[in-house]
Structure formats: structure tokens, C-alpha cells
Amino acid sequence: MWQVVLHYGNHFLVILLIAWFYDRQNLWRNYFVLLATMLVDIDHLWAEPIFDPKRCSIGFHTFHSEIAILIYFGILIFVQHKTIRLIAIGLIFHMITDGIDCLWLNFESFSNKLLTFTKI
């Protein structure tokens, strides 16, 4: 349950904070730009199954690949356009949020194996 709260809290609430820090004058516009970066999850549609709670998105889905993440960082570093940079920030933060999920999954798997081992 806490994993879901953290995941969707990052996707919907923390980006509001990012939008506020990025440019307070355009808070809602920036928030909706960051919200739109969640469309990166469209790559889940060509996975089988579309959603697997035990699968790490990072490195599995096309737009969540290491190459894609490097491109997002490249855009952040080399592109000067304010909105495009905000999109890059949103995509990178999305990957961080999904990466936290991967860590959570690995920790749960590790702790379950540890519990099984200690019962032997």
C-alpha cells in the first residue's frame, strides 16, 4: 500500500512542487506540462502483459530504457528552451519515481527470501 501511495504521490503531488519551484508565475501551466510527461507510459501498451506489478519499468519499456534516460538528460543539459527543459525534468523525475518502485520491488523480494531462509 505504501508503495502505491509513494508512487502516485510522486506522480501527482511532488510534480506540483517541482512546477512551483520551476516558475511560480506559471505554476498550473507547468504542472500540466509535467503531468503530460506521464504519457511516456504509453510504452506499457506494447508490453505483455500491459501491467505487471512485479516488473521493473526501468530497462524494460522502450521509453524507460537506459538510452531514453540518457536522451532525457541530454535534453536537460543541452536544450535551452524553458518548456522543453521542463519536459525533460518531468521525464527524468518519472524515471526516478519508477526507479524507486524497482528498488521497492527488489527490497520486497530480498526481504521475502531472507524471511524464508531464516525459517529453515
Protein backbone atom coordinates (compact mmCIF):
# COMPACT_ATOMS: atom_id res chain seq x y z
CA MET A 1 0.00 0.00 0.00
CA TRP A 2 2.78 2.47 0.92
CA GLN A 3 4.48 1.78 -2.38
CA VAL A 4 1.33 2.85 -4.25
CA VAL A 5 0.95 5.99 -2.09
CA LEU A 6 4.60 6.94 -2.70
CA HIS A 7 4.42 6.17 -6.42
CA TYR A 8 1.28 8.13 -7.20
CA GLY A 9 2.15 10.84 -4.69
CA ASN A 10 5.33 11.42 -6.68
CA HIS A 11 3.46 11.34 -9.98
CA PHE A 12 0.72 13.76 -8.95
CA LEU A 13 1.76 15.77 -5.87
CA VAL A 14 5.54 16.14 -5.99
CA ILE A 15 5.37 17.42 -9.56
CA LEU A 16 3.20 20.25 -8.24
CA LEU A 17 6.13 21.20 -6.01
CA ILE A 18 8.53 20.91 -8.95
CA ALA A 19 6.26 23.17 -11.03
CA TRP A 20 6.16 25.70 -8.18
CA PHE A 21 9.96 25.77 -7.82
CA TYR A 22 10.49 25.89 -11.58
CA ASP A 23 8.36 29.01 -12.16
CA ARG A 24 5.79 30.18 -9.60
CA GLN A 25 4.26 32.60 -12.08
CA ASN A 26 3.20 29.72 -14.34
CA LEU A 27 2.50 27.10 -11.69
CA TRP A 28 -0.56 25.47 -13.26
CA ARG A 29 0.77 25.56 -16.80
CA ASN A 30 3.98 23.91 -15.63
CA TYR A 31 2.05 21.40 -13.55
CA PHE A 32 0.06 20.32 -16.60
CA VAL A 33 3.23 20.09 -18.70
CA LEU A 34 4.75 17.82 -16.03
CA LEU A 35 1.51 15.85 -15.82
CA ALA A 36 1.65 15.36 -19.60
CA THR A 37 5.07 13.73 -19.27
CA MET A 38 3.26 10.73 -17.82
CA LEU A 39 2.30 9.96 -21.41
CA VAL A 40 5.74 8.35 -21.51
CA ASP A 41 3.92 5.33 -20.05
CA ILE A 42 2.33 4.72 -23.44
CA ASP A 43 5.15 2.24 -23.98
CA HIS A 44 3.42 -0.03 -21.46
CA LEU A 45 0.75 -0.66 -24.09
CA TRP A 46 3.06 -2.81 -26.22
CA ALA A 47 4.27 -4.93 -23.30
CA GLU A 48 2.83 -8.34 -22.49
CA PRO A 49 1.13 -8.13 -20.05
CA ILE A 50 0.44 -4.39 -20.18
CA PHE A 51 0.77 -4.11 -16.40
CA ASP A 52 2.78 -6.43 -14.21
CA PRO A 53 3.13 -5.32 -10.58
CA LYS A 54 6.27 -7.44 -10.23
CA ARG A 55 8.06 -5.93 -13.27
CA CYS A 56 10.54 -3.07 -13.11
CA SER A 57 9.75 -0.49 -15.81
CA ILE A 58 13.30 0.84 -15.97
CA GLY A 59 15.19 -1.01 -18.66
CA PHE A 60 12.11 -2.97 -19.76
CA HIS A 61 9.91 -0.47 -21.60
CA THR A 62 11.15 1.45 -24.65
CA PHE A 63 10.80 4.95 -23.20
CA HIS A 64 12.11 3.74 -19.83
CA SER A 65 15.33 2.34 -21.32
CA GLU A 66 18.80 3.48 -20.33
CA ILE A 67 19.27 5.09 -23.76
CA ALA A 68 16.00 7.02 -23.42
CA ILE A 69 17.00 8.23 -19.95
CA LEU A 70 20.35 9.44 -21.32
CA ILE A 71 18.46 11.33 -24.04
CA TYR A 72 16.26 12.97 -21.36
CA PHE A 73 19.41 14.10 -19.52
CA GLY A 74 20.93 15.31 -22.79
CA ILE A 75 17.85 17.42 -23.47
CA LEU A 76 18.03 18.86 -19.95
CA ILE A 77 21.70 19.78 -20.36
CA PHE A 78 21.85 20.99 -23.96
CA VAL A 79 18.42 22.44 -24.79
CA GLN A 80 17.77 25.99 -23.62
CA HIS A 81 14.02 26.21 -24.31
CA LYS A 82 12.30 26.51 -20.94
CA THR A 83 9.29 24.29 -21.71
CA ILE A 84 11.38 21.56 -23.36
CA ARG A 85 13.69 21.57 -20.32
CA LEU A 86 10.64 21.23 -18.07
CA ILE A 87 9.52 18.22 -20.12
CA ALA A 88 12.99 16.70 -19.63
CA ILE A 89 12.75 17.34 -15.89
CA GLY A 90 9.33 15.65 -15.86
CA LEU A 91 10.62 12.64 -17.75
CA ILE A 92 13.66 12.30 -15.51
CA PHE A 93 11.52 12.61 -12.39
CA HIS A 94 9.16 10.00 -13.84
CA MET A 95 12.13 7.64 -14.27
CA ILE A 96 13.26 8.37 -10.69
CA THR A 97 9.76 7.55 -9.43
CA ASP A 98 9.69 4.30 -11.42
CA GLY A 99 13.23 3.56 -10.23
CA ILE A 100 12.05 3.86 -6.63
CA ASP A 101 9.41 1.25 -7.49
CA CYS A 102 12.16 -1.04 -8.80
CA LEU A 103 14.14 -0.62 -5.59
CA TRP A 104 10.98 -1.33 -3.58
CA LEU A 105 10.30 -4.50 -5.60
CA ASN A 106 13.87 -5.70 -5.17
CA PHE A 107 13.79 -4.96 -1.45
CA GLU A 108 10.50 -6.87 -1.04
CA SER A 109 11.91 -9.79 -2.99
CA PHE A 110 15.10 -9.75 -0.93
CA SER A 111 13.27 -9.48 2.40
CA ASN A 112 10.87 -12.32 1.44
CA LYS A 113 13.84 -14.54 0.55
CA LEU A 114 15.54 -13.57 3.81
CA LEU A 115 12.41 -14.43 5.81
CA THR A 116 12.13 -17.77 4.01
CA PHE A 117 15.80 -18.50 4.67
CA THR A 118 15.54 -17.72 8.40
CA LYS A 119 12.59 -20.12 8.76
CA ILE A 120 14.73 -23.04 7.60
